[in-house]
PDB file of N, CA and C in Angstrom:
ATOM      1  N   MET A   1       0.851  -1.181   0.000  1.00  0.00           N
ATOM      2  CA  MET A   1       0.000   0.000   0.000  1.00  0.00           C
ATOM      3  C   MET A   1       0.896   1.244   0.000  1.00  0.00           C
ATOM      4  N   THR A   2       0.572   2.173  -0.855  1.00  0.00           N
ATOM      5  CA  THR A   2       1.359   3.402  -0.910  1.00  0.00           C
ATOM      6  C   THR A   2       0.766   4.454   0.009  1.00  0.00           C
ATOM      7  N   THR A   3       1.630   5.281   0.519  1.00  0.00           N
ATOM      8  CA  THR A   3       1.199   6.372   1.387  1.00  0.00           C
ATOM      9  C   THR A   3       0.885   7.593   0.524  1.00  0.00           C
ATOM     10  N   PRO A   4      -0.276   8.231   0.745  1.00  0.00           N
ATOM     11  CA  PRO A   4      -0.603   9.426  -0.030  1.00  0.00           C
ATOM     12  C   PRO A   4       0.428  10.524   0.193  1.00  0.00           C
ATOM     13  N   ASP A   5       0.755  11.219  -0.862  1.00  0.00           N
ATOM     14  CA  ASP A   5       1.695  12.333  -0.792  1.00  0.00           C
ATOM     15  C   ASP A   5       0.902  13.611  -0.517  1.00  0.00           C
ATOM     16  N   PRO A   6       1.085  14.226   0.651  1.00  0.00           N
ATOM     17  CA  PRO A   6       0.305  15.429   0.980  1.00  0.00           C
ATOM     18  C   PRO A   6       0.605  16.613   0.057  1.00  0.00           C
ATOM     19  N   GLU A   7       1.706  16.548  -0.675  1.00  0.00           N
ATOM     20  CA  GLU A   7       2.068  17.627  -1.597  1.00  0.00           C
ATOM     21  C   GLU A   7       1.342  17.495  -2.947  1.00  0.00           C
ATOM     22  N   ARG A   8       0.820  16.312  -3.240  1.00  0.00           N
ATOM     23  CA  ARG A   8       0.122  16.076  -4.505  1.00  0.00           C
ATOM     24  C   ARG A   8      -1.382  16.112  -4.278  1.00  0.00           C
ATOM     25  N   PRO A   9      -2.092  16.880  -5.073  1.00  0.00           N
ATOM     26  CA  PRO A   9      -3.550  16.902  -4.917  1.00  0.00           C
ATOM     27  C   PRO A   9      -4.165  15.578  -5.379  1.00  0.00           C
ATOM     28  N   PHE A  10      -5.296  15.251  -4.828  1.00  0.00           N
ATOM     29  CA  PHE A  10      -6.027  14.049  -5.228  1.00  0.00           C
ATOM     30  C   PHE A  10      -6.639  14.301  -6.599  1.00  0.00           C
ATOM     31  N   GLU A  11      -6.223  13.510  -7.578  1.00  0.00           N
ATOM     32  CA  GLU A  11      -6.738  13.641  -8.934  1.00  0.00           C
ATOM     33  C   GLU A  11      -7.088  12.263  -9.459  1.00  0.00           C
ATOM     34  N   PRO A  12      -8.310  11.819  -9.200  1.00  0.00           N
ATOM     35  CA  PRO A  12      -8.702  10.478  -9.649  1.00  0.00           C
ATOM     36  C   PRO A  12      -8.757  10.401 -11.172  1.00  0.00           C
ATOM     37  N   ASP A  13      -8.689   9.172 -11.695  1.00  0.00           N
ATOM     38  CA  ASP A  13      -8.775   8.980 -13.134  1.00  0.00           C
ATOM     39  C   ASP A  13     -10.210   8.624 -13.553  1.00  0.00           C
ATOM     40  N   TRP A  14     -11.159   9.084 -12.768  1.00  0.00           N
ATOM     41  CA  TRP A  14     -12.579   8.894 -13.039  1.00  0.00           C
ATOM     42  C   TRP A  14     -13.346  10.117 -12.558  1.00  0.00           C
ATOM     43  N   ALA A  15     -14.563  10.245 -13.072  1.00  0.00           N
ATOM     44  CA  ALA A  15     -15.435  11.348 -12.658  1.00  0.00           C
ATOM     45  C   ALA A  15     -16.810  10.782 -12.333  1.00  0.00           C
ATOM     46  N   SER A  16     -17.339  11.157 -11.203  1.00  0.00           N
ATOM     47  CA  SER A  16     -18.658  10.701 -10.773  1.00  0.00           C
ATOM     48  C   SER A  16     -19.652  11.851 -10.939  1.00  0.00           C
ATOM     49  N   PRO A  17     -20.671  11.667 -11.775  1.00  0.00           N
ATOM     50  CA  PRO A  17     -21.620  12.763 -11.995  1.00  0.00           C
ATOM     51  C   PRO A  17     -22.468  13.031 -10.751  1.00  0.00           C
ATOM     52  N   PRO A  18     -22.970  14.252 -10.622  1.00  0.00           N
ATOM     53  CA  PRO A  18     -23.866  14.566  -9.510  1.00  0.00           C
ATOM     54  C   PRO A  18     -25.061  13.612  -9.450  1.00  0.00           C
ATOM     55  N   GLY A  19     -25.414  13.066 -10.599  1.00  0.00           N
ATOM     56  CA  GLY A  19     -26.529  12.126 -10.655  1.00  0.00           C
ATOM     57  C   GLY A  19     -26.332  10.905  -9.776  1.00  0.00           C
ATOM     58  N   ALA A  20     -25.084  10.522  -9.519  1.00  0.00           N
ATOM     59  CA  ALA A  20     -24.827   9.389  -8.623  1.00  0.00           C
ATOM     60  C   ALA A  20     -25.312   9.724  -7.209  1.00  0.00           C
ATOM     61  N   THR A  21     -25.037  10.929  -6.772  1.00  0.00           N
ATOM     62  CA  THR A  21     -25.503  11.375  -5.449  1.00  0.00           C
ATOM     63  C   THR A  21     -27.018  11.522  -5.437  1.00  0.00           C
ATOM     64  N   ILE A  22     -27.556  12.082  -6.511  1.00  0.00           N
ATOM     65  CA  ILE A  22     -29.017  12.240  -6.613  1.00  0.00           C
ATOM     66  C   ILE A  22     -29.692  10.873  -6.556  1.00  0.00           C
ATOM     67  N   THR A  23     -29.145   9.905  -7.297  1.00  0.00           N
ATOM     68  CA  THR A  23     -29.719   8.554  -7.318  1.00  0.00           C
ATOM     69  C   THR A  23     -29.698   7.934  -5.929  1.00  0.00           C
ATOM     70  N   ASP A  24     -28.597   8.099  -5.214  1.00  0.00           N
ATOM     71  CA  ASP A  24     -28.519   7.576  -3.844  1.00  0.00           C
ATOM     72  C   ASP A  24     -29.584   8.212  -2.960  1.00  0.00           C
ATOM     73  N   LEU A  25     -29.720   9.524  -3.057  1.00  0.00           N
ATOM     74  CA  LEU A  25     -30.735  10.218  -2.247  1.00  0.00           C
ATOM     75  C   LEU A  25     -32.148   9.808  -2.645  1.00  0.00           C
ATOM     76  N   MET A  26     -32.365   9.601  -3.932  1.00  0.00           N
ATOM     77  CA  MET A  26     -33.682   9.142  -4.390  1.00  0.00           C
ATOM     78  C   MET A  26     -34.028   7.809  -3.741  1.00  0.00           C
ATOM     79  N   PHE A  27     -33.062   6.908  -3.715  1.00  0.00           N
ATOM     80  CA  PHE A  27     -33.279   5.594  -3.114  1.00  0.00           C
ATOM     81  C   PHE A  27     -33.597   5.713  -1.623  1.00  0.00           C
ATOM     82  N   VAL A  28     -32.764   6.465  -0.924  1.00  0.00           N
ATOM     83  CA  VAL A  28     -32.927   6.608   0.533  1.00  0.00           C
ATOM     84  C   VAL A  28     -34.252   7.281   0.888  1.00  0.00           C
ATOM     85  N   ARG A  29     -34.631   8.280   0.110  1.00  0.00           N
ATOM     86  CA  ARG A  29     -35.832   9.063   0.429  1.00  0.00           C
ATOM     87  C   ARG A  29     -37.091   8.563  -0.285  1.00  0.00           C
ATOM     88  N   GLY A  30     -36.961   7.539  -1.109  1.00  0.00           N
ATOM     89  CA  GLY A  30     -38.119   6.987  -1.802  1.00  0.00           C
ATOM     90  C   GLY A  30     -38.682   7.909  -2.880  1.00  0.00           C
ATOM     91  N   VAL A  31     -37.812   8.678  -3.530  1.00  0.00           N
ATOM     92  CA  VAL A  31     -38.229   9.606  -4.584  1.00  0.00           C
ATOM     93  C   VAL A  31     -38.103   8.897  -5.934  1.00  0.00           C
ATOM     94  N   THR A  32     -39.186   8.859  -6.685  1.00  0.00           N
ATOM     95  CA  THR A  32     -39.162   8.230  -8.003  1.00  0.00           C
ATOM     96  C   THR A  32     -38.633   9.211  -9.055  1.00  0.00           C
ATOM     97  N   ARG A  33     -38.270   8.675 -10.215  1.00  0.00           N
ATOM     98  CA  ARG A  33     -37.835   9.520 -11.325  1.00  0.00           C
ATOM     99  C   ARG A  33     -38.970  10.454 -11.738  1.00  0.00           C
ATOM    100  N   ALA A  34     -40.204   9.933 -11.726  1.00  0.00           N
ATOM    101  CA  ALA A  34     -41.363  10.756 -12.104  1.00  0.00           C
ATOM    102  C   ALA A  34     -41.564  11.899 -11.121  1.00  0.00           C
ATOM    103  N   LYS A  35     -41.419  11.610  -9.843  1.00  0.00           N
ATOM    104  CA  LYS A  35     -41.562  12.651  -8.811  1.00  0.00           C
ATOM    105  C   LYS A  35     -40.460  13.706  -8.970  1.00  0.00           C
ATOM    106  N   LEU A  36     -39.236  13.245  -9.213  1.00  0.00           N
ATOM    107  CA  LEU A  36     -38.127  14.178  -9.399  1.00  0.00           C
ATOM    108  C   LEU A  36     -38.370  15.045 -10.628  1.00  0.00           C
ATOM    109  N   ALA A  37     -38.812  14.425 -11.712  1.00  0.00           N
ATOM    110  CA  ALA A  37     -39.103  15.179 -12.934  1.00  0.00           C
ATOM    111  C   ALA A  37     -40.148  16.254 -12.662  1.00  0.00           C
ATOM    112  N   SER A  38     -41.182  15.894 -11.939  1.00  0.00           N
ATOM    113  CA  SER A  38     -42.241  16.846 -11.613  1.00  0.00           C
ATOM    114  C   SER A  38     -41.706  17.998 -10.762  1.00  0.00           C
ATOM    115  N   GLN A  39     -40.905  17.675  -9.760  1.00  0.00           N
ATOM    116  CA  GLN A  39     -40.351  18.697  -8.869  1.00  0.00           C
ATOM    117  C   GLN A  39     -39.389  19.638  -9.593  1.00  0.00           C
ATOM    118  N   LEU A  40     -38.656  19.094 -10.571  1.00  0.00           N
ATOM    119  CA  LEU A  40     -37.686  19.913 -11.295  1.00  0.00           C
ATOM    120  C   LEU A  40     -38.304  20.591 -12.515  1.00  0.00           C
ATOM    121  N   GLY A  41     -39.511  20.187 -12.891  1.00  0.00           N
ATOM    122  CA  GLY A  41     -40.170  20.779 -14.050  1.00  0.00           C
ATOM    123  C   GLY A  41     -39.539  20.346 -15.368  1.00  0.00           C
ATOM    124  N   ILE A  42     -39.030  19.110 -15.402  1.00  0.00           N
ATOM    125  CA  ILE A  42     -38.432  18.568 -16.623  1.00  0.00           C
ATOM    126  C   ILE A  42     -39.066  17.214 -16.909  1.00  0.00           C
ATOM    127  N   ASP A  43     -38.861  16.698 -18.133  1.00  0.00           N
ATOM    128  CA  ASP A  43     -39.437  15.395 -18.466  1.00  0.00           C
ATOM    129  C   ASP A  43     -38.474  14.261 -18.089  1.00  0.00           C
ATOM    130  N   LEU A  44     -38.977  13.026 -18.151  1.00  0.00           N
ATOM    131  CA  LEU A  44     -38.178  11.869 -17.729  1.00  0.00           C
ATOM    132  C   LEU A  44     -36.876  11.698 -18.513  1.00  0.00           C
ATOM    133  N   PRO A  45     -36.880  11.902 -19.851  1.00  0.00           N
ATOM    134  CA  PRO A  45     -35.605  11.785 -20.555  1.00  0.00           C
ATOM    135  C   PRO A  45     -34.556  12.788 -20.040  1.00  0.00           C
ATOM    136  N   GLU A  46     -34.993  13.976 -19.664  1.00  0.00           N
ATOM    137  CA  GLU A  46     -34.059  14.968 -19.117  1.00  0.00           C
ATOM    138  C   GLU A  46     -33.571  14.561 -17.732  1.00  0.00           C
ATOM    139  N   VAL A  47     -34.441  13.928 -16.946  1.00  0.00           N
ATOM    140  CA  VAL A  47     -34.013  13.403 -15.639  1.00  0.00           C
ATOM    141  C   VAL A  47     -32.928  12.359 -15.854  1.00  0.00           C
ATOM    142  N   ASP A  48     -33.141  11.469 -16.815  1.00  0.00           N
ATOM    143  CA  ASP A  48     -32.153  10.426 -17.092  1.00  0.00           C
ATOM    144  C   ASP A  48     -30.819  11.038 -17.513  1.00  0.00           C
ATOM    145  N   LYS A  49     -30.869  12.084 -18.337  1.00  0.00           N
ATOM    146  CA  LYS A  49     -29.637  12.762 -18.761  1.00  0.00           C
ATOM    147  C   LYS A  49     -28.945  13.440 -17.573  1.00  0.00           C
ATOM    148  N   LEU A  50     -29.731  14.037 -16.688  1.00  0.00           N
ATOM    149  CA  LEU A  50     -29.169  14.667 -15.495  1.00  0.00           C
ATOM    150  C   LEU A  50     -28.485  13.621 -14.620  1.00  0.00           C
ATOM    151  N   LEU A  51     -29.140  12.495 -14.422  1.00  0.00           N
ATOM    152  CA  LEU A  51     -28.591  11.442 -13.576  1.00  0.00           C
ATOM    153  C   LEU A  51     -27.315  10.831 -14.161  1.00  0.00           C
ATOM    154  N   SER A  52     -27.247  10.751 -15.477  1.00  0.00           N
ATOM    155  CA  SER A  52     -26.071  10.144 -16.118  1.00  0.00           C
ATOM    156  C   SER A  52     -24.928  11.133 -16.307  1.00  0.00           C
ATOM    157  N   GLY A  53     -25.204  12.426 -16.139  1.00  0.00           N
ATOM    158  CA  GLY A  53     -24.174  13.442 -16.332  1.00  0.00           C
ATOM    159  C   GLY A  53     -24.150  14.023 -17.732  1.00  0.00           C
ATOM    160  N   GLU A  54     -25.039  13.550 -18.608  1.00  0.00           N
ATOM    161  CA  GLU A  54     -25.108  14.085 -19.971  1.00  0.00           C
ATOM    162  C   GLU A  54     -25.625  15.524 -19.985  1.00  0.00           C
ATOM    163  N   ARG A  55     -26.494  15.833 -19.053  1.00  0.00           N
ATOM    164  CA  ARG A  55     -27.117  17.151 -18.972  1.00  0.00           C
ATOM    165  C   ARG A  55     -26.442  17.953 -17.875  1.00  0.00           C
ATOM    166  N   HIS A  56     -26.035  19.155 -18.195  1.00  0.00           N
ATOM    167  CA  HIS A  56     -25.479  20.047 -17.172  1.00  0.00           C
ATOM    168  C   HIS A  56     -26.585  20.426 -16.194  1.00  0.00           C
ATOM    169  N   MET A  57     -26.242  20.424 -14.917  1.00  0.00           N
ATOM    170  CA  MET A  57     -27.200  20.844 -13.907  1.00  0.00           C
ATOM    171  C   MET A  57     -27.316  22.364 -13.947  1.00  0.00           C
ATOM    172  N   THR A  58     -28.538  22.862 -14.023  1.00  0.00           N
ATOM    173  CA  THR A  58     -28.768  24.298 -14.043  1.00  0.00           C
ATOM    174  C   THR A  58     -29.022  24.804 -12.626  1.00  0.00           C
ATOM    175  N   ALA A  59     -29.028  26.114 -12.490  1.00  0.00           N
ATOM    176  CA  ALA A  59     -29.355  26.718 -11.193  1.00  0.00           C
ATOM    177  C   ALA A  59     -30.779  26.349 -10.786  1.00  0.00           C
ATOM    178  N   CYS A  60     -31.674  26.283 -11.759  1.00  0.00           N
ATOM    179  CA  CYS A  60     -33.066  25.877 -11.467  1.00  0.00           C
ATOM    180  C   CYS A  60     -33.114  24.440 -10.964  1.00  0.00           C
ATOM    181  N   ASP A  61     -32.303  23.570 -11.582  1.00  0.00           N
ATOM    182  CA  ASP A  61     -32.231  22.183 -11.108  1.00  0.00           C
ATOM    183  C   ASP A  61     -31.757  22.151  -9.664  1.00  0.00           C
ATOM    184  N   ALA A  62     -30.706  22.910  -9.369  1.00  0.00           N
ATOM    185  CA  ALA A  62     -30.150  22.942  -8.016  1.00  0.00           C
ATOM    186  C   ALA A  62     -31.180  23.435  -7.005  1.00  0.00           C
ATOM    187  N   LEU A  63     -31.956  24.433  -7.390  1.00  0.00           N
ATOM    188  CA  LEU A  63     -33.025  24.923  -6.505  1.00  0.00           C
ATOM    189  C   LEU A  63     -34.066  23.841  -6.253  1.00  0.00           C
ATOM    190  N   GLY A  64     -34.435  23.136  -7.315  1.00  0.00           N
ATOM    191  CA  GLY A  64     -35.405  22.053  -7.177  1.00  0.00           C
ATOM    192  C   GLY A  64     -34.866  20.929  -6.309  1.00  0.00           C
ATOM    193  N   LEU A  65     -33.598  20.590  -6.474  1.00  0.00           N
ATOM    194  CA  LEU A  65     -32.994  19.540  -5.664  1.00  0.00           C
ATOM    195  C   LEU A  65     -32.935  19.945  -4.190  1.00  0.00           C
ATOM    196  N   GLU A  66     -32.698  21.227  -3.948  1.00  0.00           N
ATOM    197  CA  GLU A  66     -32.709  21.710  -2.567  1.00  0.00           C
ATOM    198  C   GLU A  66     -34.092  21.493  -1.945  1.00  0.00           C
ATOM    199  N   GLU A  67     -35.132  21.776  -2.710  1.00  0.00           N
ATOM    200  CA  GLU A  67     -36.497  21.587  -2.207  1.00  0.00           C
ATOM    201  C   GLU A  67     -36.820  20.114  -1.968  1.00  0.00           C
ATOM    202  N   VAL A  68     -36.392  19.255  -2.874  1.00  0.00           N
ATOM    203  CA  VAL A  68     -36.706  17.831  -2.772  1.00  0.00           C
ATOM    204  C   VAL A  68     -35.924  17.161  -1.649  1.00  0.00           C
ATOM    205  N   PHE A  69     -34.628  17.446  -1.564  1.00  0.00           N
ATOM    206  CA  PHE A  69     -33.761  16.712  -0.644  1.00  0.00           C
ATOM    207  C   PHE A  69     -33.275  17.521   0.554  1.00  0.00           C
ATOM    208  N   THR A  70     -33.630  18.791   0.641  1.00  0.00           N
ATOM    209  CA  THR A  70     -33.161  19.706   1.696  1.00  0.00           C
ATOM    210  C   THR A  70     -31.632  19.728   1.787  1.00  0.00           C
ATOM    211  N   VAL A  71     -31.007  19.694   0.618  1.00  0.00           N
ATOM    212  CA  VAL A  71     -29.554  19.819   0.495  1.00  0.00           C
ATOM    213  C   VAL A  71     -29.320  21.152  -0.209  1.00  0.00           C
ATOM    214  N   PRO A  72     -28.471  22.024   0.332  1.00  0.00           N
ATOM    215  CA  PRO A  72     -28.330  23.382  -0.196  1.00  0.00           C
ATOM    216  C   PRO A  72     -27.937  23.464  -1.673  1.00  0.00           C
ATOM    217  N   VAL A  73     -28.430  24.513  -2.301  1.00  0.00           N
ATOM    218  CA  VAL A  73     -28.095  24.813  -3.698  1.00  0.00           C
ATOM    219  C   VAL A  73     -26.582  24.840  -3.880  1.00  0.00           C
ATOM    220  N   SER A  74     -25.883  25.428  -2.927  1.00  0.00           N
ATOM    221  CA  SER A  74     -24.427  25.551  -3.039  1.00  0.00           C
ATOM    222  C   SER A  74     -23.755  24.188  -3.165  1.00  0.00           C
ATOM    223  N   PHE A  75     -24.269  23.181  -2.475  1.00  0.00           N
ATOM    224  CA  PHE A  75     -23.717  21.835  -2.576  1.00  0.00           C
ATOM    225  C   PHE A  75     -23.842  21.314  -4.001  1.00  0.00           C
ATOM    226  N   TRP A  76     -25.048  21.452  -4.575  1.00  0.00           N
ATOM    227  CA  TRP A  76     -25.289  20.943  -5.927  1.00  0.00           C
ATOM    228  C   TRP A  76     -24.439  21.685  -6.953  1.00  0.00           C
ATOM    229  N   CYS A  77     -24.305  22.980  -6.787  1.00  0.00           N
ATOM    230  CA  CYS A  77     -23.499  23.769  -7.729  1.00  0.00           C
ATOM    231  C   CYS A  77     -22.023  23.380  -7.654  1.00  0.00           C
ATOM    232  N   ARG A  78     -21.516  23.179  -6.450  1.00  0.00           N
ATOM    233  CA  ARG A  78     -20.114  22.746  -6.293  1.00  0.00           C
ATOM    234  C   ARG A  78     -19.902  21.358  -6.877  1.00  0.00           C
ATOM    235  N   LEU A  79     -20.851  20.466  -6.641  1.00  0.00           N
ATOM    236  CA  LEU A  79     -20.750  19.106  -7.154  1.00  0.00           C
ATOM    237  C   LEU A  79     -20.715  19.106  -8.685  1.00  0.00           C
ATOM    238  N   GLU A  80     -21.581  19.885  -9.296  1.00  0.00           N
ATOM    239  CA  GLU A  80     -21.615  19.997 -10.762  1.00  0.00           C
ATOM    240  C   GLU A  80     -20.318  20.599 -11.292  1.00  0.00           C
ATOM    241  N   ALA A  81     -19.848  21.670 -10.662  1.00  0.00           N
ATOM    242  CA  ALA A  81     -18.614  22.323 -11.107  1.00  0.00           C
ATOM    243  C   ALA A  81     -17.426  21.370 -11.001  1.00  0.00           C
ATOM    244  N   GLN A  82     -17.341  20.637  -9.910  1.00  0.00           N
ATOM    245  CA  GLN A  82     -16.241  19.691  -9.720  1.00  0.00           C
ATOM    246  C   GLN A  82     -16.300  18.580 -10.764  1.00  0.00           C
ATOM    247  N   TYR A  83     -17.485  18.087 -11.054  1.00  0.00           N
ATOM    248  CA  TYR A  83     -17.647  17.032 -12.062  1.00  0.00           C
ATOM    249  C   TYR A  83     -17.182  17.521 -13.427  1.00  0.00           C
ATOM    250  N   ARG A  84     -17.631  18.708 -13.840  1.00  0.00           N
ATOM    251  CA  ARG A  84     -17.249  19.240 -15.155  1.00  0.00           C
ATOM    252  C   ARG A  84     -15.746  19.516 -15.214  1.00  0.00           C
ATOM    253  N   LYS A  85     -15.182  20.014 -14.124  1.00  0.00           N
ATOM    254  CA  LYS A  85     -13.743  20.284 -14.066  1.00  0.00           C
ATOM    255  C   LYS A  85     -12.955  18.980 -14.213  1.00  0.00           C
ATOM    256  N   THR A  86     -13.393  17.953 -13.522  1.00  0.00           N
ATOM    257  CA  THR A  86     -12.714  16.660 -13.614  1.00  0.00           C
ATOM    258  C   THR A  86     -12.822  16.080 -15.014  1.00  0.00           C
ATOM    259  N   LEU A  87     -13.999  16.200 -15.638  1.00  0.00           N
ATOM    260  CA  LEU A  87     -14.158  15.724 -17.006  1.00  0.00           C
ATOM    261  C   LEU A  87     -13.172  16.422 -17.949  1.00  0.00           C
ATOM    262  N   LYS A  88     -13.060  17.726 -17.809  1.00  0.00           N
ATOM    263  CA  LYS A  88     -12.132  18.493 -18.655  1.00  0.00           C
ATOM    264  C   LYS A  88     -10.695  18.045 -18.426  1.00  0.00           C
ATOM    265  N   ARG A  89     -10.323  17.841 -17.168  1.00  0.00           N
ATOM    266  CA  ARG A  89      -8.974  17.405 -16.857  1.00  0.00           C
ATOM    267  C   ARG A  89      -8.693  16.045 -17.479  1.00  0.00           C
ATOM    268  N   LEU A  90      -9.654  15.131 -17.391  1.00  0.00           N
ATOM    269  CA  LEU A  90      -9.480  13.803 -17.954  1.00  0.00           C
ATOM    270  C   LEU A  90      -9.409  13.840 -19.478  1.00  0.00           C
ATOM    271  N   GLU A  91     -10.219  14.708 -20.100  1.00  0.00           N
ATOM    272  CA  GLU A  91     -10.168  14.863 -21.558  1.00  0.00           C
ATOM    273  C   GLU A  91      -8.806  15.393 -21.979  1.00  0.00           C
ATOM    274  N   HIS A  92      -8.319  16.382 -21.243  1.00  0.00           N
ATOM    275  CA  HIS A  92      -7.016  16.973 -21.556  1.00  0.00           C
ATOM    276  C   HIS A  92      -5.903  15.952 -21.383  1.00  0.00           C
ATOM    277  N   LYS A  93      -5.987  15.162 -20.337  1.00  0.00           N
ATOM    278  CA  LYS A  93      -4.989  14.142 -20.062  1.00  0.00           C
ATOM    279  C   LYS A  93      -4.970  13.069 -21.150  1.00  0.00           C
ATOM    280  N   ALA A  94      -6.144  12.767 -21.706  1.00  0.00           N
ATOM    281  CA  ALA A  94      -6.247  11.739 -22.751  1.00  0.00           C
ATOM    282  C   ALA A  94      -5.671  12.198 -24.088  1.00  0.00           C
ATOM    283  N   GLU A  95      -5.579  13.510 -24.285  1.00  0.00           N
ATOM    284  CA  GLU A  95      -5.076  14.050 -25.560  1.00  0.00           C
ATOM    285  C   GLU A  95      -3.605  13.957 -25.704  1.00  0.00           C
TER     286      GLU A  95
END
């Protein structure tokens, strides 16, 4: 087992979309895709895209998620920003 180097930032070679966290919360709280779609004012295909990371999370989505899960907008915005940043880093690294 290697010891983490405190001088090197953690840079995984994978990116987890915010949808993974949303899916976990949906399971725990018993929220269906249809209920989430209704709360966010989007259709089911858009919910699926949001969950998979294909769709960028909007500020309106973050507000809706705050209402559904009582998790602050700031959390969702940071999670989305970190996901997109990691995707860009991985794309750049692959080039």
